[in-house]
PDB file of N, CA and C in Angstrom:
ATOM      1  N   MET A   1      21.029 122.660  67.088  1.00  0.00           N
ATOM      2  CA  MET A   1      22.506 122.215  66.867  1.00  0.00           C
ATOM      3  C   MET A   1      22.427 120.943  66.616  1.00  0.00           C
ATOM      4  N   THR A   2      22.843 120.449  65.849  1.00  0.00           N
ATOM      5  CA  THR A   2      23.319 118.771  65.424  1.00  0.00           C
ATOM      6  C   THR A   2      24.729 118.738  66.190  1.00  0.00           C
ATOM      7  N   VAL A   3      24.764 117.629  66.932  1.00  0.00           N
ATOM      8  CA  VAL A   3      26.217 117.070  67.472  1.00  0.00           C
ATOM      9  C   VAL A   3      26.529 115.741  66.312  1.00  0.00           C
ATOM     10  N   LYS A   4      27.880 116.361  65.962  1.00  0.00           N
ATOM     11  CA  LYS A   4      28.270 115.037  65.275  1.00  0.00           C
ATOM     12  C   LYS A   4      29.172 114.118  65.878  1.00  0.00           C
ATOM     13  N   THR A   5      29.020 112.683  66.088  1.00  0.00           N
ATOM     14  CA  THR A   5      29.497 111.778  66.444  1.00  0.00           C
ATOM     15  C   THR A   5      30.670 110.794  66.032  1.00  0.00           C
ATOM     16  N   THR A   6      31.443 110.523  66.299  1.00  0.00           N
ATOM     17  CA  THR A   6      32.367 109.355  65.474  1.00  0.00           C
ATOM     18  C   THR A   6      32.277 108.001  66.717  1.00  0.00           C
ATOM     19  N   ARG A   7      32.434 106.973  65.950  1.00  0.00           N
ATOM     20  CA  ARG A   7      32.686 105.891  66.927  1.00  0.00           C
ATOM     21  C   ARG A   7      33.578 105.561  67.265  1.00  0.00           C
ATOM     22  N   PHE A   8      33.787 105.278  68.511  1.00  0.00           N
ATOM     23  CA  PHE A   8      35.177 105.456  69.300  1.00  0.00           C
ATOM     24  C   PHE A   8      35.432 103.527  69.167  1.00  0.00           C
ATOM     25  N   ASP A   9      36.783 103.158  68.846  1.00  0.00           N
ATOM     26  CA  ASP A   9      37.168 102.241  68.822  1.00  0.00           C
ATOM     27  C   ASP A   9      38.213 102.253  69.846  1.00  0.00           C
ATOM     28  N   PRO A  10      38.318 101.297  70.931  1.00  0.00           N
ATOM     29  CA  PRO A  10      39.869 101.081  71.971  1.00  0.00           C
ATOM     30  C   PRO A  10      40.779 100.395  71.211  1.00  0.00           C
ATOM     31  N   ALA A  11      40.438  99.947  69.995  1.00  0.00           N
ATOM     32  CA  ALA A  11      41.702  99.190  69.473  1.00  0.00           C
ATOM     33  C   ALA A  11      42.859 100.246  68.749  1.00  0.00           C
ATOM     34  N   ASP A  12      42.258 101.699  68.545  1.00  0.00           N
ATOM     35  CA  ASP A  12      42.659 102.360  67.913  1.00  0.00           C
ATOM     36  C   ASP A  12      43.837 102.900  68.792  1.00  0.00           C
ATOM     37  N   HIS A  13      43.920 102.396  70.047  1.00  0.00           N
ATOM     38  CA  HIS A  13      44.519 103.099  70.870  1.00  0.00           C
ATOM     39  C   HIS A  13      45.483 101.985  71.915  1.00  0.00           C
ATOM     40  N   LEU A  14      45.658 100.912  71.615  1.00  0.00           N
ATOM     41  CA  LEU A  14      46.307 100.109  71.828  1.00  0.00           C
ATOM     42  C   LEU A  14      47.515  99.952  71.325  1.00  0.00           C
ATOM     43  N   LYS A  15      48.570 100.634  71.440  1.00  0.00           N
ATOM     44  CA  LYS A  15      49.930 100.351  70.784  1.00  0.00           C
ATOM     45  C   LYS A  15      50.559  99.339  71.415  1.00  0.00           C
ATOM     46  N   THR A  16      50.730  99.635  72.353  1.00  0.00           N
ATOM     47  CA  THR A  16      52.095  98.532  73.338  1.00  0.00           C
ATOM     48  C   THR A  16      51.282  97.619  74.232  1.00  0.00           C
ATOM     49  N   PRO A  17      52.278  96.458  74.930  1.00  0.00           N
ATOM     50  CA  PRO A  17      51.708  95.494  75.761  1.00  0.00           C
ATOM     51  C   PRO A  17      51.253  96.255  77.035  1.00  0.00           C
ATOM     52  N   GLU A  18      51.828  97.427  77.596  1.00  0.00           N
ATOM     53  CA  GLU A  18      51.579  98.100  78.235  1.00  0.00           C
ATOM     54  C   GLU A  18      49.811  98.761  78.469  1.00  0.00           C
ATOM     55  N   ASP A  19      49.911  99.251  77.304  1.00  0.00           N
ATOM     56  CA  ASP A  19      48.596  99.989  76.935  1.00  0.00           C
ATOM     57  C   ASP A  19      47.801  98.544  77.127  1.00  0.00           C
ATOM     58  N   VAL A  20      47.569  97.301  76.516  1.00  0.00           N
ATOM     59  CA  VAL A  20      46.674  96.536  76.667  1.00  0.00           C
ATOM     60  C   VAL A  20      46.398  95.828  78.294  1.00  0.00           C
ATOM     61  N   VAL A  21      47.633  96.234  78.865  1.00  0.00           N
ATOM     62  CA  VAL A  21      47.170  95.431  80.316  1.00  0.00           C
ATOM     63  C   VAL A  21      46.733  96.509  80.626  1.00  0.00           C
ATOM     64  N   ALA A  22      46.551  97.908  80.734  1.00  0.00           N
ATOM     65  CA  ALA A  22      45.908  99.053  81.366  1.00  0.00           C
ATOM     66  C   ALA A  22      44.549  99.084  80.929  1.00  0.00           C
ATOM     67  N   PHE A  23      44.504  98.502  79.565  1.00  0.00           N
ATOM     68  CA  PHE A  23      42.912  98.513  78.918  1.00  0.00           C
ATOM     69  C   PHE A  23      42.129  97.391  79.781  1.00  0.00           C
ATOM     70  N   LEU A  24      43.070  96.139  79.860  1.00  0.00           N
ATOM     71  CA  LEU A  24      42.136  95.394  80.282  1.00  0.00           C
ATOM     72  C   LEU A  24      41.792  95.058  81.961  1.00  0.00           C
ATOM     73  N   GLU A  25      42.961  95.923  82.580  1.00  0.00           N
ATOM     74  CA  GLU A  25      42.744  96.085  83.591  1.00  0.00           C
ATOM     75  C   GLU A  25      41.641  97.176  84.279  1.00  0.00           C
ATOM     76  N   ALA A  26      41.296  97.673  83.352  1.00  0.00           N
ATOM     77  CA  ALA A  26      40.414  98.983  83.734  1.00  0.00           C
ATOM     78  C   ALA A  26      38.843  98.066  83.313  1.00  0.00           C
ATOM     79  N   THR A  27      38.919  97.306  82.060  1.00  0.00           N
ATOM     80  CA  THR A  27      37.770  96.765  82.221  1.00  0.00           C
ATOM     81  C   THR A  27      37.821  96.009  83.261  1.00  0.00           C
ATOM     82  N   ILE A  28      37.882  95.112  83.751  1.00  0.00           N
ATOM     83  CA  ILE A  28      38.224  94.617  85.005  1.00  0.00           C
ATOM     84  C   ILE A  28      37.801  94.989  86.301  1.00  0.00           C
ATOM     85  N   GLU A  29      38.182  96.068  86.667  1.00  0.00           N
ATOM     86  CA  GLU A  29      37.566  97.515  87.436  1.00  0.00           C
ATOM     87  C   GLU A  29      36.347  97.897  87.121  1.00  0.00           C
ATOM     88  N   GLU A  30      35.880  97.856  85.844  1.00  0.00           N
ATOM     89  CA  GLU A  30      34.683  98.784  85.676  1.00  0.00           C
ATOM     90  C   GLU A  30      33.378  97.412  85.601  1.00  0.00           C
ATOM     91  N   ASP A  31      33.923  96.135  85.413  1.00  0.00           N
ATOM     92  CA  ASP A  31      32.742  95.436  85.423  1.00  0.00           C
ATOM     93  C   ASP A  31      33.221  93.897  84.994  1.00  0.00           C
ATOM     94  N   GLY A  32      33.910  93.541  86.521  1.00  0.00           N
ATOM     95  CA  GLY A  32      34.960  92.398  86.102  1.00  0.00           C
ATOM     96  C   GLY A  32      33.781  90.894  86.250  1.00  0.00           C
ATOM     97  N   ASP A  33      32.983  91.250  86.296  1.00  0.00           N
ATOM     98  CA  ASP A  33      31.757  90.127  86.591  1.00  0.00           C
ATOM     99  C   ASP A  33      30.975  89.816  85.304  1.00  0.00           C
ATOM    100  N   ASP A  34      31.401  90.607  84.220  1.00  0.00           N
ATOM    101  CA  ASP A  34      30.563  90.511  83.222  1.00  0.00           C
ATOM    102  C   ASP A  34      31.371  89.604  82.012  1.00  0.00           C
ATOM    103  N   PRO A  35      31.441  88.348  81.492  1.00  0.00           N
ATOM    104  CA  PRO A  35      32.534  87.850  80.910  1.00  0.00           C
ATOM    105  C   PRO A  35      32.262  88.424  79.504  1.00  0.00           C
ATOM    106  N   GLU A  36      31.167  88.700  78.920  1.00  0.00           N
ATOM    107  CA  GLU A  36      31.200  89.017  77.982  1.00  0.00           C
ATOM    108  C   GLU A  36      31.902  90.789  77.570  1.00  0.00           C
ATOM    109  N   PHE A  37      31.622  91.604  78.505  1.00  0.00           N
ATOM    110  CA  PHE A  37      32.657  92.662  78.525  1.00  0.00           C
ATOM    111  C   PHE A  37      33.647  92.546  78.667  1.00  0.00           C
ATOM    112  N   ILE A  38      34.220  91.702  79.114  1.00  0.00           N
ATOM    113  CA  ILE A  38      35.860  91.126  78.870  1.00  0.00           C
ATOM    114  C   ILE A  38      35.927  90.313  77.450  1.00  0.00           C
ATOM    115  N   ALA A  39      35.572  89.503  77.428  1.00  0.00           N
ATOM    116  CA  ALA A  39      35.797  89.281  76.181  1.00  0.00           C
ATOM    117  C   ALA A  39      35.843  90.081  74.942  1.00  0.00           C
ATOM    118  N   ARG A  40      34.918  91.166  75.020  1.00  0.00           N
ATOM    119  CA  ARG A  40      34.932  92.309  74.077  1.00  0.00           C
ATOM    120  C   ARG A  40      36.004  93.211  74.097  1.00  0.00           C
ATOM    121  N   ALA A  41      36.470  93.560  75.240  1.00  0.00           N
ATOM    122  CA  ALA A  41      37.594  94.383  75.585  1.00  0.00           C
ATOM    123  C   ALA A  41      38.943  93.015  75.088  1.00  0.00           C
ATOM    124  N   LEU A  42      39.126  92.020  75.472  1.00  0.00           N
ATOM    125  CA  LEU A  42      39.989  90.975  75.043  1.00  0.00           C
ATOM    126  C   LEU A  42      40.418  90.834  73.416  1.00  0.00           C
ATOM    127  N   GLY A  43      38.886  91.397  72.516  1.00  0.00           N
ATOM    128  CA  GLY A  43      39.170  91.180  71.274  1.00  0.00           C
ATOM    129  C   GLY A  43      39.211  92.317  70.802  1.00  0.00           C
ATOM    130  N   ALA A  44      39.150  93.701  71.479  1.00  0.00           N
ATOM    131  CA  ALA A  44      39.421  95.109  71.137  1.00  0.00           C
ATOM    132  C   ALA A  44      41.115  94.893  70.732  1.00  0.00           C
ATOM    133  N   ALA A  45      41.817  94.429  72.108  1.00  0.00           N
ATOM    134  CA  ALA A  45      43.195  94.229  72.062  1.00  0.00           C
ATOM    135  C   ALA A  45      43.773  93.327  71.025  1.00  0.00           C
ATOM    136  N   ALA A  46      42.509  92.161  70.696  1.00  0.00           N
ATOM    137  CA  ALA A  46      43.210  91.267  69.834  1.00  0.00           C
ATOM    138  C   ALA A  46      43.145  92.121  68.145  1.00  0.00           C
ATOM    139  N   ARG A  47      42.223  92.767  68.121  1.00  0.00           N
ATOM    140  CA  ARG A  47      41.887  93.478  66.598  1.00  0.00           C
ATOM    141  C   ARG A  47      43.195  94.872  66.705  1.00  0.00           C
ATOM    142  N   ALA A  48      43.633  95.438  67.714  1.00  0.00           N
ATOM    143  CA  ALA A  48      44.756  96.486  67.504  1.00  0.00           C
ATOM    144  C   ALA A  48      45.928  95.733  67.119  1.00  0.00           C
ATOM    145  N   ARG A  49      46.106  94.672  67.618  1.00  0.00           N
ATOM    146  CA  ARG A  49      47.707  94.107  66.801  1.00  0.00           C
ATOM    147  C   ARG A  49      47.277  93.159  65.578  1.00  0.00           C
ATOM    148  N   GLY A  50      45.993  92.608  65.195  1.00  0.00           N
ATOM    149  CA  GLY A  50      45.974  92.009  63.967  1.00  0.00           C
ATOM    150  C   GLY A  50      45.158  91.208  64.222  1.00  0.00           C
ATOM    151  N   MET A  51      44.127  90.549  64.004  1.00  0.00           N
ATOM    152  CA  MET A  51      43.599  89.350  64.615  1.00  0.00           C
ATOM    153  C   MET A  51      43.895  87.941  63.921  1.00  0.00           C
ATOM    154  N   SER A  52      44.402  88.150  62.727  1.00  0.00           N
ATOM    155  CA  SER A  52      44.934  86.904  62.236  1.00  0.00           C
ATOM    156  C   SER A  52      46.187  86.468  62.648  1.00  0.00           C
ATOM    157  N   GLU A  53      47.045  87.694  63.200  1.00  0.00           N
ATOM    158  CA  GLU A  53      48.320  87.655  63.802  1.00  0.00           C
ATOM    159  C   GLU A  53      48.365  86.902  65.071  1.00  0.00           C
ATOM    160  N   ILE A  54      47.007  87.399  65.737  1.00  0.00           N
ATOM    161  CA  ILE A  54      46.887  86.622  67.361  1.00  0.00           C
ATOM    162  C   ILE A  54      46.511  85.547  67.018  1.00  0.00           C
ATOM    163  N   ALA A  55      45.534  85.546  66.038  1.00  0.00           N
ATOM    164  CA  ALA A  55      45.023  83.848  66.278  1.00  0.00           C
ATOM    165  C   ALA A  55      46.555  83.079  65.516  1.00  0.00           C
ATOM    166  N   ARG A  56      47.216  82.978  64.703  1.00  0.00           N
ATOM    167  CA  ARG A  56      48.130  82.302  64.307  1.00  0.00           C
ATOM    168  C   ARG A  56      48.958  82.155  66.020  1.00  0.00           C
ATOM    169  N   ALA A  57      49.133  83.079  66.297  1.00  0.00           N
ATOM    170  CA  ALA A  57      50.426  83.320  67.773  1.00  0.00           C
ATOM    171  C   ALA A  57      49.265  82.451  68.734  1.00  0.00           C
ATOM    172  N   ALA A  58      48.132  82.334  68.766  1.00  0.00           N
ATOM    173  CA  ALA A  58      47.567  81.686  69.900  1.00  0.00           C
ATOM    174  C   ALA A  58      46.838  80.285  69.456  1.00  0.00           C
ATOM    175  N   GLY A  59      47.473  79.993  68.544  1.00  0.00           N
ATOM    176  CA  GLY A  59      47.086  78.541  67.475  1.00  0.00           C
ATOM    177  C   GLY A  59      45.500  78.520  67.290  1.00  0.00           C
ATOM    178  N   LEU A  60      45.175  79.538  67.026  1.00  0.00           N
ATOM    179  CA  LEU A  60      43.558  79.250  66.944  1.00  0.00           C
ATOM    180  C   LEU A  60      43.290  79.743  65.347  1.00  0.00           C
ATOM    181  N   GLY A  61      42.010  79.151  65.070  1.00  0.00           N
ATOM    182  CA  GLY A  61      41.524  79.538  63.726  1.00  0.00           C
ATOM    183  C   GLY A  61      40.903  81.191  63.461  1.00  0.00           C
ATOM    184  N   ARG A  62      41.360  82.087  62.834  1.00  0.00           N
ATOM    185  CA  ARG A  62      40.979  83.396  63.011  1.00  0.00           C
ATOM    186  C   ARG A  62      39.363  83.777  62.977  1.00  0.00           C
ATOM    187  N   ALA A  63      38.760  82.781  62.047  1.00  0.00           N
ATOM    188  CA  ALA A  63      37.300  82.621  62.562  1.00  0.00           C
ATOM    189  C   ALA A  63      36.635  82.486  63.848  1.00  0.00           C
ATOM    190  N   SER A  64      37.251  81.397  64.322  1.00  0.00           N
ATOM    191  CA  SER A  64      36.671  81.091  65.762  1.00  0.00           C
ATOM    192  C   SER A  64      37.349  81.857  66.710  1.00  0.00           C
ATOM    193  N   LEU A  65      38.549  82.776  66.451  1.00  0.00           N
ATOM    194  CA  LEU A  65      38.709  83.859  67.448  1.00  0.00           C
ATOM    195  C   LEU A  65      37.932  84.941  67.584  1.00  0.00           C
ATOM    196  N   TYR A  66      37.231  85.296  66.032  1.00  0.00           N
ATOM    197  CA  TYR A  66      36.164  86.393  65.654  1.00  0.00           C
ATOM    198  C   TYR A  66      35.159  86.105  66.599  1.00  0.00           C
ATOM    199  N   LYS A  67      34.890  84.767  66.891  1.00  0.00           N
ATOM    200  CA  LYS A  67      33.718  84.578  67.149  1.00  0.00           C
ATOM    201  C   LYS A  67      33.606  84.250  68.572  1.00  0.00           C
ATOM    202  N   ALA A  68      34.541  83.698  69.120  1.00  0.00           N
ATOM    203  CA  ALA A  68      34.831  83.456  70.202  1.00  0.00           C
ATOM    204  C   ALA A  68      35.026  85.031  71.399  1.00  0.00           C
ATOM    205  N   LEU A  69      35.349  85.978  70.679  1.00  0.00           N
ATOM    206  CA  LEU A  69      35.650  87.466  71.033  1.00  0.00           C
ATOM    207  C   LEU A  69      34.496  88.231  70.690  1.00  0.00           C
ATOM    208  N   SER A  70      33.440  87.917  69.943  1.00  0.00           N
ATOM    209  CA  SER A  70      32.453  88.689  69.749  1.00  0.00           C
ATOM    210  C   SER A  70      31.698  88.721  70.907  1.00  0.00           C
ATOM    211  N   GLU A  71      30.519  89.722  70.437  1.00  0.00           N
ATOM    212  CA  GLU A  71      29.812  90.356  71.538  1.00  0.00           C
ATOM    213  C   GLU A  71      29.131  89.283  71.772  1.00  0.00           C
ATOM    214  N   ASP A  72      28.771  88.048  71.353  1.00  0.00           N
ATOM    215  CA  ASP A  72      27.965  86.798  71.512  1.00  0.00           C
ATOM    216  C   ASP A  72      28.986  85.716  72.034  1.00  0.00           C
ATOM    217  N   GLY A  73      29.884  85.786  71.566  1.00  0.00           N
ATOM    218  CA  GLY A  73      31.081  84.483  72.310  1.00  0.00           C
ATOM    219  C   GLY A  73      31.001  84.244  73.181  1.00  0.00           C
ATOM    220  N   ASN A  74      31.444  83.031  74.117  1.00  0.00           N
ATOM    221  CA  ASN A  74      31.674  82.708  74.888  1.00  0.00           C
ATOM    222  C   ASN A  74      33.538  81.987  75.143  1.00  0.00           C
ATOM    223  N   PRO A  75      34.455  82.844  74.925  1.00  0.00           N
ATOM    224  CA  PRO A  75      35.536  82.214  75.203  1.00  0.00           C
ATOM    225  C   PRO A  75      35.731  81.047  76.564  1.00  0.00           C
ATOM    226  N   SER A  76      36.247  80.231  75.990  1.00  0.00           N
ATOM    227  CA  SER A  76      36.826  79.207  76.687  1.00  0.00           C
ATOM    228  C   SER A  76      38.130  79.810  77.792  1.00  0.00           C
ATOM    229  N   PHE A  77      38.466  79.600  78.837  1.00  0.00           N
ATOM    230  CA  PHE A  77      39.577  79.790  80.008  1.00  0.00           C
ATOM    231  C   PHE A  77      40.778  79.681  78.793  1.00  0.00           C
ATOM    232  N   ALA A  78      41.085  78.449  78.385  1.00  0.00           N
ATOM    233  CA  ALA A  78      42.050  78.439  77.377  1.00  0.00           C
ATOM    234  C   ALA A  78      42.074  79.112  76.579  1.00  0.00           C
ATOM    235  N   THR A  79      41.315  79.483  75.723  1.00  0.00           N
ATOM    236  CA  THR A  79      41.407  80.537  74.414  1.00  0.00           C
ATOM    237  C   THR A  79      41.961  82.156  75.188  1.00  0.00           C
ATOM    238  N   VAL A  80      41.174  82.309  76.126  1.00  0.00           N
ATOM    239  CA  VAL A  80      41.606  83.631  76.792  1.00  0.00           C
ATOM    240  C   VAL A  80      43.133  83.517  77.153  1.00  0.00           C
ATOM    241  N   THR A  81      43.503  82.196  77.904  1.00  0.00           N
ATOM    242  CA  THR A  81      45.003  82.805  78.519  1.00  0.00           C
ATOM    243  C   THR A  81      45.895  82.522  76.909  1.00  0.00           C
ATOM    244  N   LYS A  82      45.117  82.006  76.028  1.00  0.00           N
ATOM    245  CA  LYS A  82      46.077  81.820  74.484  1.00  0.00           C
ATOM    246  C   LYS A  82      46.396  82.904  73.697  1.00  0.00           C
ATOM    247  N   VAL A  83      45.029  83.970  74.073  1.00  0.00           N
ATOM    248  CA  VAL A  83      44.969  85.366  73.655  1.00  0.00           C
ATOM    249  C   VAL A  83      45.920  86.255  73.975  1.00  0.00           C
ATOM    250  N   ALA A  84      45.954  85.926  75.421  1.00  0.00           N
ATOM    251  CA  ALA A  84      46.538  87.053  76.567  1.00  0.00           C
ATOM    252  C   ALA A  84      48.230  86.682  75.907  1.00  0.00           C
ATOM    253  N   ARG A  85      48.637  85.390  76.213  1.00  0.00           N
ATOM    254  CA  ARG A  85      50.042  84.984  76.083  1.00  0.00           C
ATOM    255  C   ARG A  85      50.595  85.885  74.452  1.00  0.00           C
ATOM    256  N   ALA A  86      49.618  85.509  73.169  1.00  0.00           N
ATOM    257  CA  ALA A  86      49.929  86.083  72.378  1.00  0.00           C
ATOM    258  C   ALA A  86      49.739  87.490  72.117  1.00  0.00           C
ATOM    259  N   LEU A  87      49.145  88.098  72.935  1.00  0.00           N
ATOM    260  CA  LEU A  87      48.963  89.743  73.282  1.00  0.00           C
ATOM    261  C   LEU A  87      50.440  90.480  73.681  1.00  0.00           C
ATOM    262  N   GLY A  88      51.310  89.428  74.525  1.00  0.00           N
ATOM    263  CA  GLY A  88      52.018  89.843  75.448  1.00  0.00           C
ATOM    264  C   GLY A  88      51.978  90.006  77.110  1.00  0.00           C
ATOM    265  N   VAL A  89      50.678  89.367  77.109  1.00  0.00           N
ATOM    266  CA  VAL A  89      50.313  89.727  78.381  1.00  0.00           C
ATOM    267  C   VAL A  89      50.163  88.846  79.340  1.00  0.00           C
ATOM    268  N   ARG A  90      49.699  88.675  80.349  1.00  0.00           N
ATOM    269  CA  ARG A  90      49.499  87.194  81.052  1.00  0.00           C
ATOM    270  C   ARG A  90      48.237  87.336  81.675  1.00  0.00           C
ATOM    271  N   VAL A  91      47.460  86.479  82.414  1.00  0.00           N
ATOM    272  CA  VAL A  91      46.073  86.317  83.107  1.00  0.00           C
ATOM    273  C   VAL A  91      46.894  86.352  84.750  1.00  0.00           C
ATOM    274  N   ARG A  92      46.310  87.307  85.364  1.00  0.00           N
ATOM    275  CA  ARG A  92      47.006  87.149  86.703  1.00  0.00           C
ATOM    276  C   ARG A  92      45.899  86.843  87.992  1.00  0.00           C
ATOM    277  N   PHE A  93      45.792  86.944  88.953  1.00  0.00           N
ATOM    278  CA  PHE A  93      45.178  86.862  90.092  1.00  0.00           C
ATOM    279  C   PHE A  93      45.376  87.240  91.284  1.00  0.00           C
ATOM    280  N   GLU A  94      44.686  88.313  91.852  1.00  0.00           N
ATOM    281  CA  GLU A  94      45.311  88.981  93.689  1.00  0.00           C
ATOM    282  C   GLU A  94      43.887  88.872  94.207  1.00  0.00           C
ATOM    283  N   PRO A  95      43.986  89.073  95.591  1.00  0.00           N
ATOM    284  CA  PRO A  95      42.743  89.105  96.724  1.00  0.00           C
ATOM    285  C   PRO A  95      41.760  90.269  95.952  1.00  0.00           C
ATOM    286  N   ALA A  96      40.791  89.939  96.262  1.00  0.00           N
ATOM    287  CA  ALA A  96      39.653  91.026  96.004  1.00  0.00           C
ATOM    288  C   ALA A  96      39.407  91.899  97.174  1.00  0.00           C
ATOM    289  N   ALA A  97      39.168  93.403  96.527  1.00  0.00           N
ATOM    290  CA  ALA A  97      39.133  94.331  97.490  1.00  0.00           C
ATOM    291  C   ALA A  97      37.669  94.067  98.619  1.00  0.00           C
ATOM    292  N   GLY A  98      37.995  94.492  99.570  1.00  0.00           N
ATOM    293  CA  GLY A  98      36.864  94.351 101.205  1.00  0.00           C
ATOM    294  C   GLY A  98      35.700  94.387 100.390  1.00  0.00           C
TER     295      GLY A  98
END
């Protein structure tokens, strides 16, 4: 029996800022120590809204945003906060669990 699979893209399911927050929080919970994993999740959220729109709202070039949020990207914290603001969410810190 052959199993047919399709590629899952979280960007297809991120419709609201609340969706984006839940997705990014789940990303941090799953592997908050992996900056590449977080950058890819932020990239999925940006793709959901439209990379050009997010780049424009963040004051960044579209190509540089794609590169920063790619699998091999290494976005600066400034880029992360600009993208978050453009997505309508904010970066927040809280005490780490024991």
